[in-house]
Each structure stands twice: as structure tokens, then as C-alpha cells.
Amino acid sequence: MNWQPPSSPPKPYDRVWLKTSTGRETTGYFNSGGEWVFNCRRVAAEKPIVLGWRA
């Protein structure tokens, strides 16, 4: 599965893999408010930017 740009997000609350600006990959989802949510607290604490996602 190829990485998709964050400008075309998945359906809200579908869990996907996220590639971040810190070079890490983690699971997360796109909420109905239009924000990316990281499932890993360590990654979320760094407040990274989502560079891509894949199912």
C-alpha cells in the first residue's frame, strides 16, 4: 500500500499508519473535527506533522 498525502485523509476514525515529520511511523486516525490523532503518546508529545498515511 502506498503512502497517501494528508490532504486526502481517510474516513473519520479509520485507524491507519501515519508517517510523521520526526521520521517515526505510528498508528492514528483522522477525527470528525479535521485533526489527526496519534495512538502513541510519545509520538503525540512531540507534536509532529503528518506527512502521509496508509491503510
PDB file of N, CA and C in Angstrom:
ATOM      1  N   MET A   1       0.851  -1.175   0.000  1.00  0.00           N
ATOM      2  CA  MET A   1       0.000   0.000   0.000  1.00  0.00           C
ATOM      3  C   MET A   1       0.898   1.240   0.000  1.00  0.00           C
ATOM      4  N   ASN A   2       0.607   2.171  -0.854  1.00  0.00           N
ATOM      5  CA  ASN A   2       1.405   3.390  -0.977  1.00  0.00           C
ATOM      6  C   ASN A   2       0.957   4.437   0.033  1.00  0.00           C
ATOM      7  N   TRP A   3       1.884   5.337   0.355  1.00  0.00           N
ATOM      8  CA  TRP A   3       1.565   6.441   1.264  1.00  0.00           C
ATOM      9  C   TRP A   3       0.679   7.449   0.546  1.00  0.00           C
ATOM     10  N   GLN A   4      -0.359   7.885   1.225  1.00  0.00           N
ATOM     11  CA  GLN A   4      -1.295   8.874   0.699  1.00  0.00           C
ATOM     12  C   GLN A   4      -0.975  10.230   1.323  1.00  0.00           C
ATOM     13  N   PRO A   5      -1.194  11.321   0.612  1.00  0.00           N
ATOM     14  CA  PRO A   5      -0.931  12.643   1.193  1.00  0.00           C
ATOM     15  C   PRO A   5      -1.976  12.982   2.254  1.00  0.00           C
ATOM     16  N   PRO A   6      -1.592  13.746   3.275  1.00  0.00           N
ATOM     17  CA  PRO A   6      -2.552  14.116   4.316  1.00  0.00           C
ATOM     18  C   PRO A   6      -3.669  15.017   3.811  1.00  0.00           C
ATOM     19  N   SER A   7      -3.490  15.606   2.634  1.00  0.00           N
ATOM     20  CA  SER A   7      -4.535  16.463   2.066  1.00  0.00           C
ATOM     21  C   SER A   7      -5.748  15.657   1.600  1.00  0.00           C
ATOM     22  N   SER A   8      -5.585  14.336   1.457  1.00  0.00           N
ATOM     23  CA  SER A   8      -6.726  13.468   1.125  1.00  0.00           C
ATOM     24  C   SER A   8      -6.861  12.431   2.245  1.00  0.00           C
ATOM     25  N   PRO A   9      -7.423  12.837   3.384  1.00  0.00           N
ATOM     26  CA  PRO A   9      -7.466  11.963   4.562  1.00  0.00           C
ATOM     27  C   PRO A   9      -8.418  10.778   4.396  1.00  0.00           C
ATOM     28  N   PRO A  10      -8.237   9.754   5.249  1.00  0.00           N
ATOM     29  CA  PRO A  10      -9.152   8.608   5.222  1.00  0.00           C
ATOM     30  C   PRO A  10     -10.493   8.985   5.847  1.00  0.00           C
ATOM     31  N   LYS A  11     -11.418   8.032   5.864  1.00  0.00           N
ATOM     32  CA  LYS A  11     -12.701   8.269   6.527  1.00  0.00           C
ATOM     33  C   LYS A  11     -12.447   8.520   8.015  1.00  0.00           C
ATOM     34  N   PRO A  12     -13.239   9.386   8.646  1.00  0.00           N
ATOM     35  CA  PRO A  12     -13.042   9.651  10.077  1.00  0.00           C
ATOM     36  C   PRO A  12     -13.053   8.364  10.906  1.00  0.00           C
ATOM     37  N   TYR A  13     -12.122   8.287  11.822  1.00  0.00           N
ATOM     38  CA  TYR A  13     -11.977   7.209  12.803  1.00  0.00           C
ATOM     39  C   TYR A  13     -11.512   5.878  12.234  1.00  0.00           C
ATOM     40  N   ASP A  14     -11.096   5.827  10.966  1.00  0.00           N
ATOM     41  CA  ASP A  14     -10.453   4.625  10.436  1.00  0.00           C
ATOM     42  C   ASP A  14      -9.008   4.634  10.910  1.00  0.00           C
ATOM     43  N   ARG A  15      -8.565   3.555  11.573  1.00  0.00           N
ATOM     44  CA  ARG A  15      -7.191   3.510  12.057  1.00  0.00           C
ATOM     45  C   ARG A  15      -6.254   3.254  10.884  1.00  0.00           C
ATOM     46  N   VAL A  16      -5.215   4.068  10.777  1.00  0.00           N
ATOM     47  CA  VAL A  16      -4.252   3.978   9.682  1.00  0.00           C
ATOM     48  C   VAL A  16      -2.841   4.164  10.231  1.00  0.00           C
ATOM     49  N   TRP A  17      -1.848   3.832   9.415  1.00  0.00           N
ATOM     50  CA  TRP A  17      -0.457   4.125   9.745  1.00  0.00           C
ATOM     51  C   TRP A  17      -0.161   5.556   9.326  1.00  0.00           C
ATOM     52  N   LEU A  18       0.570   6.276  10.166  1.00  0.00           N
ATOM     53  CA  LEU A  18       0.930   7.662   9.885  1.00  0.00           C
ATOM     54  C   LEU A  18       2.440   7.803   9.815  1.00  0.00           C
ATOM     55  N   LYS A  19       2.925   8.554   8.838  1.00  0.00           N
ATOM     56  CA  LYS A  19       4.343   8.905   8.732  1.00  0.00           C
ATOM     57  C   LYS A  19       4.458  10.343   9.210  1.00  0.00           C
ATOM     58  N   THR A  20       5.370  10.609  10.158  1.00  0.00           N
ATOM     59  CA  THR A  20       5.445  11.932  10.770  1.00  0.00           C
ATOM     60  C   THR A  20       6.701  12.694  10.366  1.00  0.00           C
ATOM     61  N   SER A  21       6.695  13.977  10.678  1.00  0.00           N
ATOM     62  CA  SER A  21       7.825  14.854  10.365  1.00  0.00           C
ATOM     63  C   SER A  21       9.055  14.531  11.207  1.00  0.00           C
ATOM     64  N   THR A  22       8.895  13.753  12.279  1.00  0.00           N
ATOM     65  CA  THR A  22      10.032  13.371  13.119  1.00  0.00           C
ATOM     66  C   THR A  22      10.683  12.079  12.634  1.00  0.00           C
ATOM     67  N   GLY A  23      10.145  11.511  11.537  1.00  0.00           N
ATOM     68  CA  GLY A  23      10.703  10.287  10.986  1.00  0.00           C
ATOM     69  C   GLY A  23      10.113   9.019  11.567  1.00  0.00           C
ATOM     70  N   ARG A  24       9.162   9.151  12.456  1.00  0.00           N
ATOM     71  CA  ARG A  24       8.531   7.982  13.064  1.00  0.00           C
ATOM     72  C   ARG A  24       7.266   7.588  12.310  1.00  0.00           C
ATOM     73  N   GLU A  25       6.889   6.322  12.480  1.00  0.00           N
ATOM     74  CA  GLU A  25       5.621   5.821  11.955  1.00  0.00           C
ATOM     75  C   GLU A  25       4.835   5.270  13.127  1.00  0.00           C
ATOM     76  N   THR A  26       3.557   5.573  13.181  1.00  0.00           N
ATOM     77  CA  THR A  26       2.688   5.114  14.255  1.00  0.00           C
ATOM     78  C   THR A  26       1.268   4.999  13.736  1.00  0.00           C
ATOM     79  N   THR A  27       0.410   4.374  14.508  1.00  0.00           N
ATOM     80  CA  THR A  27      -0.991   4.314  14.117  1.00  0.00           C
ATOM     81  C   THR A  27      -1.720   5.536  14.651  1.00  0.00           C
ATOM     82  N   GLY A  28      -2.788   5.868  13.983  1.00  0.00           N
ATOM     83  CA  GLY A  28      -3.602   7.002  14.394  1.00  0.00           C
ATOM     84  C   GLY A  28      -4.845   7.063  13.538  1.00  0.00           C
ATOM     85  N   TYR A  29      -5.570   8.155  13.668  1.00  0.00           N
ATOM     86  CA  TYR A  29      -6.801   8.323  12.894  1.00  0.00           C
ATOM     87  C   TYR A  29      -7.081   9.798  12.675  1.00  0.00           C
ATOM     88  N   PHE A  30      -7.986  10.069  11.754  1.00  0.00           N
ATOM     89  CA  PHE A  30      -8.430  11.416  11.419  1.00  0.00           C
ATOM     90  C   PHE A  30      -9.800  11.574  12.061  1.00  0.00           C
ATOM     91  N   ASN A  31      -9.959  12.528  12.992  1.00  0.00           N
ATOM     92  CA  ASN A  31     -11.249  12.643  13.677  1.00  0.00           C
ATOM     93  C   ASN A  31     -12.228  13.507  12.889  1.00  0.00           C
ATOM     94  N   SER A  32     -13.467  13.547  13.349  1.00  0.00           N
ATOM     95  CA  SER A  32     -14.508  14.287  12.626  1.00  0.00           C
ATOM     96  C   SER A  32     -14.301  15.796  12.698  1.00  0.00           C
ATOM     97  N   GLY A  33     -13.433  16.257  13.597  1.00  0.00           N
ATOM     98  CA  GLY A  33     -13.115  17.681  13.698  1.00  0.00           C
ATOM     99  C   GLY A  33     -12.022  18.114  12.732  1.00  0.00           C
ATOM    100  N   GLY A  34     -11.498  17.170  11.943  1.00  0.00           N
ATOM    101  CA  GLY A  34     -10.477  17.501  10.957  1.00  0.00           C
ATOM    102  C   GLY A  34      -9.061  17.493  11.496  1.00  0.00           C
ATOM    103  N   GLU A  35      -8.814  16.797  12.610  1.00  0.00           N
ATOM    104  CA  GLU A  35      -7.479  16.739  13.205  1.00  0.00           C
ATOM    105  C   GLU A  35      -6.964  15.306  13.197  1.00  0.00           C
ATOM    106  N   TRP A  36      -5.642  15.170  13.026  1.00  0.00           N
ATOM    107  CA  TRP A  36      -5.012  13.861  13.128  1.00  0.00           C
ATOM    108  C   TRP A  36      -4.796  13.560  14.603  1.00  0.00           C
ATOM    109  N   VAL A  37      -5.056  12.322  15.009  1.00  0.00           N
ATOM    110  CA  VAL A  37      -4.872  11.881  16.389  1.00  0.00           C
ATOM    111  C   VAL A  37      -3.900  10.705  16.372  1.00  0.00           C
ATOM    112  N   PHE A  38      -2.841  10.793  17.197  1.00  0.00           N
ATOM    113  CA  PHE A  38      -1.830   9.740  17.273  1.00  0.00           C
ATOM    114  C   PHE A  38      -2.178   8.791  18.408  1.00  0.00           C
ATOM    115  N   ASN A  39      -2.066   7.481  18.173  1.00  0.00           N
ATOM    116  CA  ASN A  39      -2.350   6.499  19.219  1.00  0.00           C
ATOM    117  C   ASN A  39      -1.187   6.340  20.189  1.00  0.00           C
ATOM    118  N   CYS A  40       0.012   6.717  19.807  1.00  0.00           N
ATOM    119  CA  CYS A  40       1.189   6.618  20.668  1.00  0.00           C
ATOM    120  C   CYS A  40       1.410   7.950  21.389  1.00  0.00           C
ATOM    121  N   ARG A  41       1.417   7.910  22.708  1.00  0.00           N
ATOM    122  CA  ARG A  41       1.590   9.145  23.491  1.00  0.00           C
ATOM    123  C   ARG A  41       2.960   9.785  23.276  1.00  0.00           C
ATOM    124  N   ARG A  42       3.988   8.959  23.119  1.00  0.00           N
ATOM    125  CA  ARG A  42       5.343   9.504  22.910  1.00  0.00           C
ATOM    126  C   ARG A  42       5.425  10.307  21.618  1.00  0.00           C
ATOM    127  N   VAL A  43       4.847   9.771  20.571  1.00  0.00           N
ATOM    128  CA  VAL A  43       4.846  10.473  19.288  1.00  0.00           C
ATOM    129  C   VAL A  43       3.989  11.726  19.390  1.00  0.00           C
ATOM    130  N   ALA A  44       2.822  11.625  20.009  1.00  0.00           N
ATOM    131  CA  ALA A  44       1.920  12.770  20.150  1.00  0.00           C
ATOM    132  C   ALA A  44       2.569  13.893  20.951  1.00  0.00           C
ATOM    133  N   ALA A  45       3.399  13.556  21.937  1.00  0.00           N
ATOM    134  CA  ALA A  45       4.057  14.562  22.767  1.00  0.00           C
ATOM    135  C   ALA A  45       5.029  15.421  21.961  1.00  0.00           C
ATOM    136  N   GLU A  46       5.546  14.882  20.864  1.00  0.00           N
ATOM    137  CA  GLU A  46       6.471  15.633  20.011  1.00  0.00           C
ATOM    138  C   GLU A  46       5.750  16.610  19.093  1.00  0.00           C
ATOM    139  N   LYS A  47       4.410  16.497  19.010  1.00  0.00           N
ATOM    140  CA  LYS A  47       3.571  17.349  18.162  1.00  0.00           C
ATOM    141  C   LYS A  47       4.077  17.391  16.711  1.00  0.00           C
ATOM    142  N   PRO A  48       4.235  16.209  16.101  1.00  0.00           N
ATOM    143  CA  PRO A  48       4.731  16.170  14.722  1.00  0.00           C
ATOM    144  C   PRO A  48       3.657  16.526  13.704  1.00  0.00           C
ATOM    145  N   ILE A  49       4.098  16.748  12.491  1.00  0.00           N
ATOM    146  CA  ILE A  49       3.206  16.989  11.357  1.00  0.00           C
ATOM    147  C   ILE A  49       3.059  15.668  10.608  1.00  0.00           C
ATOM    148  N   VAL A  50       1.853  15.361  10.159  1.00  0.00           N
ATOM    149  CA  VAL A  50       1.615  14.140   9.385  1.00  0.00           C
ATOM    150  C   VAL A  50       2.055  14.394   7.944  1.00  0.00           C
ATOM    151  N   LEU A  51       2.982  13.562   7.462  1.00  0.00           N
ATOM    152  CA  LEU A  51       3.478  13.680   6.089  1.00  0.00           C
ATOM    153  C   LEU A  51       2.747  12.746   5.138  1.00  0.00           C
ATOM    154  N   GLY A  52       2.174  11.665   5.683  1.00  0.00           N
ATOM    155  CA  GLY A  52       1.454  10.713   4.855  1.00  0.00           C
ATOM    156  C   GLY A  52       0.756   9.680   5.706  1.00  0.00           C
ATOM    157  N   TRP A  53      -0.134   8.924   5.071  1.00  0.00           N
ATOM    158  CA  TRP A  53      -0.852   7.858   5.766  1.00  0.00           C
ATOM    159  C   TRP A  53      -1.095   6.700   4.810  1.00  0.00           C
ATOM    160  N   ARG A  54      -1.304   5.510   5.378  1.00  0.00           N
ATOM    161  CA  ARG A  54      -1.666   4.337   4.581  1.00  0.00           C
ATOM    162  C   ARG A  54      -2.524   3.407   5.435  1.00  0.00           C
ATOM    163  N   ALA A  55      -3.375   2.662   4.761  1.00  0.00           N
ATOM    164  CA  ALA A  55      -4.294   1.750   5.464  1.00  0.00           C
ATOM    165  C   ALA A  55      -3.571   0.508   5.924  1.00  0.00           C
TER     166      ALA A  55
END
